[in-house]
């Protein structure tokens, strides 16, 4: 789901942002993590603007740092990002655990 869609749904139904009694679990990696944090932190859509301004500032600094580190690892033009939707939390957890186990055996 695109962030703009999510925010539009949240404007129509603020309950989608969750509450202390019914928290919402958001999984995101890389660039999706910051918008997910904004969605998690907002209590209603009126807070999205100020939180989004902070996110843009963090995004800019993060992008500069990622670019710098990327050049140290590999100076190429391939994309490092992938987006997967419709995966359950348990399935993703299994994938991450399998990956971490395979990396541990390399060290």
PDB file of N, CA and C in Angstrom:
ATOM      1  N   UNK A   1       0.851  -1.171   0.000  1.00  0.00           N
ATOM      2  CA  UNK A   1       0.000   0.000   0.000  1.00  0.00           C
ATOM      3  C   UNK A   1       0.897   1.234   0.000  1.00  0.00           C
ATOM      4  N   UNK A   2       0.566   2.210  -0.811  1.00  0.00           N
ATOM      5  CA  UNK A   2       1.299   3.457  -0.830  1.00  0.00           C
ATOM      6  C   UNK A   2       0.941   4.278   0.403  1.00  0.00           C
ATOM      7  N   UNK A   3       1.899   5.094   0.861  1.00  0.00           N
ATOM      8  CA  UNK A   3       1.665   5.918   2.046  1.00  0.00           C
ATOM      9  C   UNK A   3       0.481   6.849   1.859  1.00  0.00           C
ATOM     10  N   UNK A   4       0.354   7.416   0.665  1.00  0.00           N
ATOM     11  CA  UNK A   4      -0.757   8.344   0.428  1.00  0.00           C
ATOM     12  C   UNK A   4      -2.102   7.644   0.590  1.00  0.00           C
ATOM     13  N   UNK A   5      -2.184   6.383   0.161  1.00  0.00           N
ATOM     14  CA  UNK A   5      -3.415   5.616   0.344  1.00  0.00           C
ATOM     15  C   UNK A   5      -3.685   5.403   1.832  1.00  0.00           C
ATOM     16  N   UNK A   6      -2.630   5.030   2.540  1.00  0.00           N
ATOM     17  CA  UNK A   6      -2.771   4.769   3.968  1.00  0.00           C
ATOM     18  C   UNK A   6      -3.266   6.013   4.696  1.00  0.00           C
ATOM     19  N   UNK A   7      -2.654   7.165   4.390  1.00  0.00           N
ATOM     20  CA  UNK A   7      -3.050   8.409   5.062  1.00  0.00           C
ATOM     21  C   UNK A   7      -4.479   8.797   4.695  1.00  0.00           C
ATOM     22  N   UNK A   8      -4.876   8.516   3.467  1.00  0.00           N
ATOM     23  CA  UNK A   8      -6.247   8.797   3.047  1.00  0.00           C
ATOM     24  C   UNK A   8      -7.234   7.943   3.844  1.00  0.00           C
ATOM     25  N   UNK A   9      -6.916   6.655   3.999  1.00  0.00           N
ATOM     26  CA  UNK A   9      -7.758   5.776   4.811  1.00  0.00           C
ATOM     27  C   UNK A   9      -7.784   6.250   6.261  1.00  0.00           C
ATOM     28  N   UNK A  10      -6.639   6.698   6.756  1.00  0.00           N
ATOM     29  CA  UNK A  10      -6.564   7.155   8.140  1.00  0.00           C
ATOM     30  C   UNK A  10      -7.398   8.405   8.361  1.00  0.00           C
ATOM     31  N   UNK A  11      -7.479   9.250   7.341  1.00  0.00           N
ATOM     32  CA  UNK A  11      -8.297  10.448   7.458  1.00  0.00           C
ATOM     33  C   UNK A  11      -9.773  10.079   7.548  1.00  0.00           C
ATOM     34  N   UNK A  12     -10.170   9.048   6.815  1.00  0.00           N
ATOM     35  CA  UNK A  12     -11.561   8.591   6.842  1.00  0.00           C
ATOM     36  C   UNK A  12     -11.872   7.797   8.108  1.00  0.00           C
ATOM     37  N   UNK A  13     -10.882   7.021   8.578  1.00  0.00           N
ATOM     38  CA  UNK A  13     -11.077   6.165   9.744  1.00  0.00           C
ATOM     39  C   UNK A  13      -9.829   6.189  10.618  1.00  0.00           C
ATOM     40  N   UNK A  14      -9.730   7.135  11.578  1.00  0.00           N
ATOM     41  CA  UNK A  14      -8.537   7.252  12.428  1.00  0.00           C
ATOM     42  C   UNK A  14      -8.211   5.972  13.210  1.00  0.00           C
ATOM     43  N   UNK A  15      -9.164   5.074  13.352  1.00  0.00           N
ATOM     44  CA  UNK A  15      -8.912   3.827  14.078  1.00  0.00           C
ATOM     45  C   UNK A  15      -7.844   2.988  13.385  1.00  0.00           C
ATOM     46  N   UNK A  16      -7.620   3.224  12.086  1.00  0.00           N
ATOM     47  CA  UNK A  16      -6.608   2.469  11.355  1.00  0.00           C
ATOM     48  C   UNK A  16      -5.208   2.746  11.908  1.00  0.00           C
ATOM     49  N   UNK A  17      -5.035   3.878  12.599  1.00  0.00           N
ATOM     50  CA  UNK A  17      -3.743   4.216  13.199  1.00  0.00           C
ATOM     51  C   UNK A  17      -3.504   3.462  14.503  1.00  0.00           C
ATOM     52  N   UNK A  18      -4.516   2.777  14.988  1.00  0.00           N
ATOM     53  CA  UNK A  18      -4.379   1.998  16.212  1.00  0.00           C
ATOM     54  C   UNK A  18      -4.572   2.850  17.456  1.00  0.00           C
ATOM     55  N   UNK A  19      -4.440   2.192  18.597  1.00  0.00           N
ATOM     56  CA  UNK A  19      -4.563   2.868  19.883  1.00  0.00           C
ATOM     57  C   UNK A  19      -3.739   2.086  20.896  1.00  0.00           C
ATOM     58  N   UNK A  20      -3.700   2.578  22.128  1.00  0.00           N
ATOM     59  CA  UNK A  20      -2.963   1.875  23.174  1.00  0.00           C
ATOM     60  C   UNK A  20      -3.571   0.502  23.436  1.00  0.00           C
ATOM     61  N   UNK A  21      -4.885   0.409  23.315  1.00  0.00           N
ATOM     62  CA  UNK A  21      -5.551  -0.867  23.564  1.00  0.00           C
ATOM     63  C   UNK A  21      -5.494  -1.810  22.369  1.00  0.00           C
ATOM     64  N   UNK A  22      -5.463  -1.249  21.167  1.00  0.00           N
ATOM     65  CA  UNK A  22      -5.409  -2.047  19.947  1.00  0.00           C
ATOM     66  C   UNK A  22      -4.305  -1.525  19.037  1.00  0.00           C
ATOM     67  N   UNK A  23      -3.051  -1.863  19.364  1.00  0.00           N
ATOM     68  CA  UNK A  23      -1.936  -1.339  18.551  1.00  0.00           C
ATOM     69  C   UNK A  23      -1.919  -1.947  17.152  1.00  0.00           C
ATOM     70  N   UNK A  24      -1.338  -1.203  16.236  1.00  0.00           N
ATOM     71  CA  UNK A  24      -1.184  -1.646  14.862  1.00  0.00           C
ATOM     72  C   UNK A  24       0.275  -2.030  14.667  1.00  0.00           C
ATOM     73  N   UNK A  25       0.509  -3.175  14.054  1.00  0.00           N
ATOM     74  CA  UNK A  25       1.871  -3.613  13.778  1.00  0.00           C
ATOM     75  C   UNK A  25       2.218  -3.260  12.348  1.00  0.00           C
ATOM     76  N   UNK A  26       3.308  -2.531  12.195  1.00  0.00           N
ATOM     77  CA  UNK A  26       3.752  -2.118  10.872  1.00  0.00           C
ATOM     78  C   UNK A  26       5.161  -2.645  10.681  1.00  0.00           C
ATOM     79  N   UNK A  27       5.350  -3.365   9.590  1.00  0.00           N
ATOM     80  CA  UNK A  27       6.681  -3.873   9.262  1.00  0.00           C
ATOM     81  C   UNK A  27       7.140  -3.131   8.023  1.00  0.00           C
ATOM     82  N   UNK A  28       8.320  -2.544   8.107  1.00  0.00           N
ATOM     83  CA  UNK A  28       8.882  -1.851   6.961  1.00  0.00           C
ATOM     84  C   UNK A  28      10.392  -1.868   7.082  1.00  0.00           C
ATOM     85  N   UNK A  29      11.034  -1.892   5.973  1.00  0.00           N
ATOM     86  CA  UNK A  29      12.483  -1.873   5.948  1.00  0.00           C
ATOM     87  C   UNK A  29      12.936  -0.723   5.074  1.00  0.00           C
ATOM     88  N   UNK A  30      14.111  -0.226   5.360  1.00  0.00           N
ATOM     89  CA  UNK A  30      14.743   0.837   4.587  1.00  0.00           C
ATOM     90  C   UNK A  30      13.854   2.089   4.561  1.00  0.00           C
ATOM     91  N   UNK A  31      13.567   2.634   3.380  1.00  0.00           N
ATOM     92  CA  UNK A  31      12.805   3.873   3.271  1.00  0.00           C
ATOM     93  C   UNK A  31      11.398   3.788   3.807  1.00  0.00           C
ATOM     94  N   UNK A  32      10.798   2.604   3.819  1.00  0.00           N
ATOM     95  CA  UNK A  32       9.439   2.442   4.325  1.00  0.00           C
ATOM     96  C   UNK A  32       9.348   2.529   5.824  1.00  0.00           C
ATOM     97  N   UNK A  33      10.466   2.390   6.498  1.00  0.00           N
ATOM     98  CA  UNK A  33      10.457   2.434   7.951  1.00  0.00           C
ATOM     99  C   UNK A  33      10.067   3.820   8.472  1.00  0.00           C
ATOM    100  N   UNK A  34      10.542   4.860   7.847  1.00  0.00           N
ATOM    101  CA  UNK A  34      10.233   6.214   8.327  1.00  0.00           C
ATOM    102  C   UNK A  34       8.759   6.567   8.181  1.00  0.00           C
ATOM    103  N   UNK A  35       8.142   6.344   7.021  1.00  0.00           N
ATOM    104  CA  UNK A  35       6.699   6.596   6.939  1.00  0.00           C
ATOM    105  C   UNK A  35       5.907   5.702   7.892  1.00  0.00           C
ATOM    106  N   UNK A  36       6.390   4.484   8.099  1.00  0.00           N
ATOM    107  CA  UNK A  36       5.714   3.587   9.044  1.00  0.00           C
ATOM    108  C   UNK A  36       5.794   4.158  10.453  1.00  0.00           C
ATOM    109  N   UNK A  37       6.926   4.746  10.807  1.00  0.00           N
ATOM    110  CA  UNK A  37       7.066   5.376  12.122  1.00  0.00           C
ATOM    111  C   UNK A  37       6.124   6.562  12.276  1.00  0.00           C
ATOM    112  N   UNK A  38       5.987   7.342  11.211  1.00  0.00           N
ATOM    113  CA  UNK A  38       5.054   8.477  11.242  1.00  0.00           C
ATOM    114  C   UNK A  38       3.633   7.963  11.456  1.00  0.00           C
ATOM    115  N   UNK A  39       3.264   6.929  10.713  1.00  0.00           N
ATOM    116  CA  UNK A  39       1.916   6.366  10.859  1.00  0.00           C
ATOM    117  C   UNK A  39       1.708   5.814  12.264  1.00  0.00           C
ATOM    118  N   UNK A  40       2.742   5.192  12.807  1.00  0.00           N
ATOM    119  CA  UNK A  40       2.644   4.619  14.153  1.00  0.00           C
ATOM    120  C   UNK A  40       2.542   5.712  15.214  1.00  0.00           C
ATOM    121  N   UNK A  41       3.300   6.787  15.045  1.00  0.00           N
ATOM    122  CA  UNK A  41       3.363   7.837  16.060  1.00  0.00           C
ATOM    123  C   UNK A  41       2.145   8.758  16.060  1.00  0.00           C
ATOM    124  N   UNK A  42       1.470   8.879  14.919  1.00  0.00           N
ATOM    125  CA  UNK A  42       0.344   9.803  14.815  1.00  0.00           C
ATOM    126  C   UNK A  42      -0.886   9.238  15.525  1.00  0.00           C
ATOM    127  N   UNK A  43      -1.499  10.095  16.318  1.00  0.00           N
ATOM    128  CA  UNK A  43      -2.748   9.729  16.974  1.00  0.00           C
ATOM    129  C   UNK A  43      -3.949  10.050  16.090  1.00  0.00           C
ATOM    130  N   UNK A  44      -3.780  11.013  15.193  1.00  0.00           N
ATOM    131  CA  UNK A  44      -4.811  11.360  14.227  1.00  0.00           C
ATOM    132  C   UNK A  44      -4.140  12.055  13.043  1.00  0.00           C
ATOM    133  N   UNK A  45      -4.891  12.305  12.009  1.00  0.00           N
ATOM    134  CA  UNK A  45      -4.292  12.846  10.791  1.00  0.00           C
ATOM    135  C   UNK A  45      -3.777  14.272  10.961  1.00  0.00           C
ATOM    136  N   UNK A  46      -4.222  14.992  11.961  1.00  0.00           N
ATOM    137  CA  UNK A  46      -3.715  16.353  12.163  1.00  0.00           C
ATOM    138  C   UNK A  46      -2.243  16.353  12.562  1.00  0.00           C
ATOM    139  N   UNK A  47      -1.738  15.262  13.094  1.00  0.00           N
ATOM    140  CA  UNK A  47      -0.334  15.176  13.495  1.00  0.00           C
ATOM    141  C   UNK A  47       0.573  14.736  12.343  1.00  0.00           C
ATOM    142  N   UNK A  48      -0.005  14.250  11.272  1.00  0.00           N
ATOM    143  CA  UNK A  48       0.802  13.719  10.177  1.00  0.00           C
ATOM    144  C   UNK A  48       1.709  14.765   9.545  1.00  0.00           C
ATOM    145  N   UNK A  49       1.249  16.016   9.431  1.00  0.00           N
ATOM    146  CA  UNK A  49       2.058  17.046   8.770  1.00  0.00           C
ATOM    147  C   UNK A  49       3.331  17.338   9.546  1.00  0.00           C
ATOM    148  N   UNK A  50       3.232  17.598  10.835  1.00  0.00           N
ATOM    149  CA  UNK A  50       4.431  17.927  11.608  1.00  0.00           C
ATOM    150  C   UNK A  50       5.378  16.728  11.700  1.00  0.00           C
ATOM    151  N   UNK A  51       4.824  15.546  11.865  1.00  0.00           N
ATOM    152  CA  UNK A  51       5.671  14.354  11.912  1.00  0.00           C
ATOM    153  C   UNK A  51       6.323  14.093  10.557  1.00  0.00           C
ATOM    154  N   UNK A  52       5.609  14.364   9.492  1.00  0.00           N
ATOM    155  CA  UNK A  52       6.163  14.154   8.150  1.00  0.00           C
ATOM    156  C   UNK A  52       7.305  15.119   7.860  1.00  0.00           C
ATOM    157  N   UNK A  53       7.208  16.340   8.349  1.00  0.00           N
ATOM    158  CA  UNK A  53       8.316  17.300   8.172  1.00  0.00           C
ATOM    159  C   UNK A  53       9.570  16.787   8.859  1.00  0.00           C
ATOM    160  N   UNK A  54       9.424  16.234  10.051  1.00  0.00           N
ATOM    161  CA  UNK A  54      10.577  15.650  10.744  1.00  0.00           C
ATOM    162  C   UNK A  54      11.121  14.466   9.950  1.00  0.00           C
ATOM    163  N   UNK A  55      10.215  13.666   9.401  1.00  0.00           N
ATOM    164  CA  UNK A  55      10.624  12.497   8.636  1.00  0.00           C
ATOM    165  C   UNK A  55      11.422  12.906   7.398  1.00  0.00           C
ATOM    166  N   UNK A  56      11.035  13.973   6.750  1.00  0.00           N
ATOM    167  CA  UNK A  56      11.749  14.440   5.564  1.00  0.00           C
ATOM    168  C   UNK A  56      13.173  14.841   5.932  1.00  0.00           C
ATOM    169  N   UNK A  57      13.328  15.517   7.044  1.00  0.00           N
ATOM    170  CA  UNK A  57      14.652  15.911   7.511  1.00  0.00           C
ATOM    171  C   UNK A  57      15.528  14.686   7.780  1.00  0.00           C
ATOM    172  N   UNK A  58      14.965  13.718   8.479  1.00  0.00           N
ATOM    173  CA  UNK A  58      15.700  12.477   8.768  1.00  0.00           C
ATOM    174  C   UNK A  58      15.994  11.728   7.470  1.00  0.00           C
ATOM    175  N   UNK A  59      15.039  11.699   6.552  1.00  0.00           N
ATOM    176  CA  UNK A  59      15.214  11.004   5.270  1.00  0.00           C
ATOM    177  C   UNK A  59      16.378  11.586   4.475  1.00  0.00           C
ATOM    178  N   UNK A  60      16.468  12.889   4.470  1.00  0.00           N
ATOM    179  CA  UNK A  60      17.535  13.540   3.717  1.00  0.00           C
ATOM    180  C   UNK A  60      18.902  13.176   4.290  1.00  0.00           C
ATOM    181  N   UNK A  61      19.036  13.283   5.616  1.00  0.00           N
ATOM    182  CA  UNK A  61      20.311  12.923   6.243  1.00  0.00           C
ATOM    183  C   UNK A  61      20.628  11.444   6.041  1.00  0.00           C
ATOM    184  N   UNK A  62      19.616  10.605   6.145  1.00  0.00           N
ATOM    185  CA  UNK A  62      19.797   9.173   5.951  1.00  0.00           C
ATOM    186  C   UNK A  62      20.228   8.860   4.522  1.00  0.00           C
ATOM    187  N   UNK A  63      19.610   9.516   3.552  1.00  0.00           N
ATOM    188  CA  UNK A  63      19.959   9.285   2.147  1.00  0.00           C
ATOM    189  C   UNK A  63      21.414   9.639   1.873  1.00  0.00           C
ATOM    190  N   UNK A  64      21.880  10.732   2.438  1.00  0.00           N
ATOM    191  CA  UNK A  64      23.286  11.115   2.253  1.00  0.00           C
ATOM    192  C   UNK A  64      24.224  10.071   2.850  1.00  0.00           C
ATOM    193  N   UNK A  65      23.882   9.583   4.024  1.00  0.00           N
ATOM    194  CA  UNK A  65      24.716   8.573   4.682  1.00  0.00           C
ATOM    195  C   UNK A  65      24.675   7.244   3.931  1.00  0.00           C
ATOM    196  N   UNK A  66      23.502   6.828   3.480  1.00  0.00           N
ATOM    197  CA  UNK A  66      23.377   5.571   2.729  1.00  0.00           C
ATOM    198  C   UNK A  66      24.180   5.658   1.439  1.00  0.00           C
ATOM    199  N   UNK A  67      24.080   6.769   0.752  1.00  0.00           N
ATOM    200  CA  UNK A  67      24.843   6.933  -0.494  1.00  0.00           C
ATOM    201  C   UNK A  67      26.340   6.845  -0.235  1.00  0.00           C
ATOM    202  N   UNK A  68      26.787   7.485   0.799  1.00  0.00           N
ATOM    203  CA  UNK A  68      28.205   7.448   1.152  1.00  0.00           C
ATOM    204  C   UNK A  68      28.664   6.017   1.440  1.00  0.00           C
ATOM    205  N   UNK A  69      27.883   5.295   2.245  1.00  0.00           N
ATOM    206  CA  UNK A  69      28.239   3.910   2.581  1.00  0.00           C
ATOM    207  C   UNK A  69      28.132   2.992   1.375  1.00  0.00           C
ATOM    208  N   UNK A  70      27.121   3.232   0.538  1.00  0.00           N
ATOM    209  CA  UNK A  70      26.928   2.406  -0.647  1.00  0.00           C
ATOM    210  C   UNK A  70      28.148   2.498  -1.555  1.00  0.00           C
ATOM    211  N   UNK A  71      28.667   3.703  -1.723  1.00  0.00           N
ATOM    212  CA  UNK A  71      29.844   3.899  -2.570  1.00  0.00           C
ATOM    213  C   UNK A  71      31.052   3.151  -2.007  1.00  0.00           C
ATOM    214  N   UNK A  72      31.128   3.026  -0.690  1.00  0.00           N
ATOM    215  CA  UNK A  72      32.228   2.282  -0.080  1.00  0.00           C
ATOM    216  C   UNK A  72      32.118   0.785  -0.363  1.00  0.00           C
ATOM    217  N   UNK A  73      30.877   0.278  -0.434  1.00  0.00           N
ATOM    218  CA  UNK A  73      30.650  -1.156  -0.647  1.00  0.00           C
ATOM    219  C   UNK A  73      30.737  -1.504  -2.128  1.00  0.00           C
ATOM    220  N   UNK A  74      29.995  -0.770  -2.942  1.00  0.00           N
ATOM    221  CA  UNK A  74      29.942  -1.082  -4.367  1.00  0.00           C
ATOM    222  C   UNK A  74      29.531   0.167  -5.125  1.00  0.00           C
ATOM    223  N   UNK A  75      30.337   0.559  -6.066  1.00  0.00           N
ATOM    224  CA  UNK A  75      30.045   1.759  -6.846  1.00  0.00           C
ATOM    225  C   UNK A  75      29.332   1.353  -8.134  1.00  0.00           C
ATOM    226  N   UNK A  76      28.011   1.103  -8.031  1.00  0.00           N
ATOM    227  CA  UNK A  76      27.211   0.669  -9.174  1.00  0.00           C
ATOM    228  C   UNK A  76      25.865   1.354  -9.185  1.00  0.00           C
ATOM    229  N   UNK A  77      25.032   0.975 -10.149  1.00  0.00           N
ATOM    230  CA  UNK A  77      23.726   1.633 -10.270  1.00  0.00           C
ATOM    231  C   UNK A  77      22.555   0.690 -10.018  1.00  0.00           C
ATOM    232  N   UNK A  78      22.812  -0.523  -9.506  1.00  0.00           N
ATOM    233  CA  UNK A  78      21.724  -1.461  -9.241  1.00  0.00           C
ATOM    234  C   UNK A  78      20.926  -1.042  -8.010  1.00  0.00           C
ATOM    235  N   UNK A  79      19.653  -1.384  -7.998  1.00  0.00           N
ATOM    236  CA  UNK A  79      18.793  -1.070  -6.859  1.00  0.00           C
ATOM    237  C   UNK A  79      19.048  -2.045  -5.717  1.00  0.00           C
ATOM    238  N   UNK A  80      19.018  -1.524  -4.487  1.00  0.00           N
ATOM    239  CA  UNK A  80      19.196  -2.350  -3.303  1.00  0.00           C
ATOM    240  C   UNK A  80      17.854  -2.645  -2.642  1.00  0.00           C
ATOM    241  N   UNK A  81      16.789  -2.113  -3.162  1.00  0.00           N
ATOM    242  CA  UNK A  81      15.506  -2.225  -2.476  1.00  0.00           C
ATOM    243  C   UNK A  81      14.515  -3.126  -3.192  1.00  0.00           C
ATOM    244  N   UNK A  82      13.674  -3.766  -2.417  1.00  0.00           N
ATOM    245  CA  UNK A  82      12.577  -4.595  -2.921  1.00  0.00           C
ATOM    246  C   UNK A  82      11.360  -4.334  -2.043  1.00  0.00           C
ATOM    247  N   UNK A  83      10.171  -4.461  -2.619  1.00  0.00           N
ATOM    248  CA  UNK A  83       8.938  -4.301  -1.861  1.00  0.00           C
ATOM    249  C   UNK A  83       8.112  -5.571  -1.986  1.00  0.00           C
ATOM    250  N   UNK A  84       7.680  -6.081  -0.852  1.00  0.00           N
ATOM    251  CA  UNK A  84       6.821  -7.263  -0.815  1.00  0.00           C
ATOM    252  C   UNK A  84       5.579  -6.914  -0.011  1.00  0.00           C
ATOM    253  N   UNK A  85       4.427  -7.259  -0.526  1.00  0.00           N
ATOM    254  CA  UNK A  85       3.179  -6.998   0.195  1.00  0.00           C
ATOM    255  C   UNK A  85       2.416  -8.298   0.384  1.00  0.00           C
ATOM    256  N   UNK A  86       1.504  -8.286   1.328  1.00  0.00           N
ATOM    257  CA  UNK A  86       0.625  -9.428   1.540  1.00  0.00           C
ATOM    258  C   UNK A  86       1.257 -10.594   2.272  1.00  0.00           C
ATOM    259  N   UNK A  87       2.385 -10.367   2.934  1.00  0.00           N
ATOM    260  CA  UNK A  87       3.035 -11.435   3.692  1.00  0.00           C
ATOM    261  C   UNK A  87       2.619 -11.351   5.155  1.00  0.00           C
ATOM    262  N   UNK A  88       2.395 -12.491   5.766  1.00  0.00           N
ATOM    263  CA  UNK A  88       2.023 -12.493   7.179  1.00  0.00           C
ATOM    264  C   UNK A  88       3.249 -12.228   8.041  1.00  0.00           C
ATOM    265  N   UNK A  89       3.018 -11.774   9.243  1.00  0.00           N
ATOM    266  CA  UNK A  89       4.091 -11.483  10.188  1.00  0.00           C
ATOM    267  C   UNK A  89       4.924 -12.739  10.456  1.00  0.00           C
ATOM    268  N   UNK A  90       4.272 -13.869  10.648  1.00  0.00           N
ATOM    269  CA  UNK A  90       4.985 -15.117  10.936  1.00  0.00           C
ATOM    270  C   UNK A  90       5.853 -15.545   9.756  1.00  0.00           C
ATOM    271  N   UNK A  91       5.332 -15.386   8.544  1.00  0.00           N
ATOM    272  CA  UNK A  91       6.097 -15.754   7.357  1.00  0.00           C
ATOM    273  C   UNK A  91       7.354 -14.895   7.238  1.00  0.00           C
ATOM    274  N   UNK A  92       7.206 -13.580   7.440  1.00  0.00           N
ATOM    275  CA  UNK A  92       8.344 -12.667   7.365  1.00  0.00           C
ATOM    276  C   UNK A  92       9.351 -12.996   8.457  1.00  0.00           C
ATOM    277  N   UNK A  93       8.867 -13.277   9.657  1.00  0.00           N
ATOM    278  CA  UNK A  93       9.764 -13.627  10.760  1.00  0.00           C
ATOM    279  C   UNK A  93      10.579 -14.867  10.414  1.00  0.00           C
ATOM    280  N   UNK A  94       9.939 -15.853   9.800  1.00  0.00           N
ATOM    281  CA  UNK A  94      10.641 -17.066   9.387  1.00  0.00           C
ATOM    282  C   UNK A  94      11.725 -16.780   8.360  1.00  0.00           C
ATOM    283  N   UNK A  95      11.409 -15.926   7.397  1.00  0.00           N
ATOM    284  CA  UNK A  95      12.384 -15.549   6.372  1.00  0.00           C
ATOM    285  C   UNK A  95      13.579 -14.854   7.022  1.00  0.00           C
ATOM    286  N   UNK A  96      13.313 -13.913   7.929  1.00  0.00           N
ATOM    287  CA  UNK A  96      14.398 -13.188   8.594  1.00  0.00           C
ATOM    288  C   UNK A  96      15.263 -14.123   9.440  1.00  0.00           C
ATOM    289  N   UNK A  97      14.635 -15.031  10.165  1.00  0.00           N
ATOM    290  CA  UNK A  97      15.404 -15.971  10.988  1.00  0.00           C
ATOM    291  C   UNK A  97      16.282 -16.866  10.122  1.00  0.00           C
ATOM    292  N   UNK A  98      15.731 -17.346   9.017  1.00  0.00           N
ATOM    293  CA  UNK A  98      16.510 -18.192   8.103  1.00  0.00           C
ATOM    294  C   UNK A  98      17.703 -17.422   7.540  1.00  0.00           C
ATOM    295  N   UNK A  99      17.467 -16.168   7.173  1.00  0.00           N
ATOM    296  CA  UNK A  99      18.554 -15.340   6.653  1.00  0.00           C
ATOM    297  C   UNK A  99      19.642 -15.141   7.699  1.00  0.00           C
ATOM    298  N   UNK A 100      19.250 -14.791   8.918  1.00  0.00           N
ATOM    299  CA  UNK A 100      20.233 -14.553   9.970  1.00  0.00           C
ATOM    300  C   UNK A 100      21.031 -15.812  10.303  1.00  0.00           C
ATOM    301  N   UNK A 101      20.369 -16.960  10.289  1.00  0.00           N
ATOM    302  CA  UNK A 101      21.076 -18.209  10.527  1.00  0.00           C
ATOM    303  C   UNK A 101      22.096 -18.479   9.415  1.00  0.00           C
ATOM    304  N   UNK A 102      21.715 -18.199   8.176  1.00  0.00           N
ATOM    305  CA  UNK A 102      22.649 -18.441   7.067  1.00  0.00           C
ATOM    306  C   UNK A 102      23.852 -17.487   7.150  1.00  0.00           C
ATOM    307  N   UNK A 103      23.639 -16.279   7.646  1.00  0.00           N
ATOM    308  CA  UNK A 103      24.733 -15.323   7.783  1.00  0.00           C
ATOM    309  C   UNK A 103      25.660 -15.693   8.940  1.00  0.00           C
ATOM    310  N   UNK A 104      25.091 -16.237   9.998  1.00  0.00           N
ATOM    311  CA  UNK A 104      25.890 -16.627  11.157  1.00  0.00           C
ATOM    312  C   UNK A 104      26.872 -17.732  10.783  1.00  0.00           C
ATOM    313  N   UNK A 105      26.457 -18.615   9.886  1.00  0.00           N
ATOM    314  CA  UNK A 105      27.337 -19.711   9.487  1.00  0.00           C
ATOM    315  C   UNK A 105      28.483 -19.222   8.603  1.00  0.00           C
ATOM    316  N   UNK A 106      28.386 -18.027   8.047  1.00  0.00           N
ATOM    317  CA  UNK A 106      29.443 -17.477   7.221  1.00  0.00           C
ATOM    318  C   UNK A 106      30.578 -16.861   8.043  1.00  0.00           C
ATOM    319  N   UNK A 107      30.288 -16.580   9.310  1.00  0.00           N
ATOM    320  CA  UNK A 107      31.285 -15.907  10.143  1.00  0.00           C
ATOM    321  C   UNK A 107      31.967 -16.867  11.031  1.00  0.00           C
TER     322      UNK A 107
END
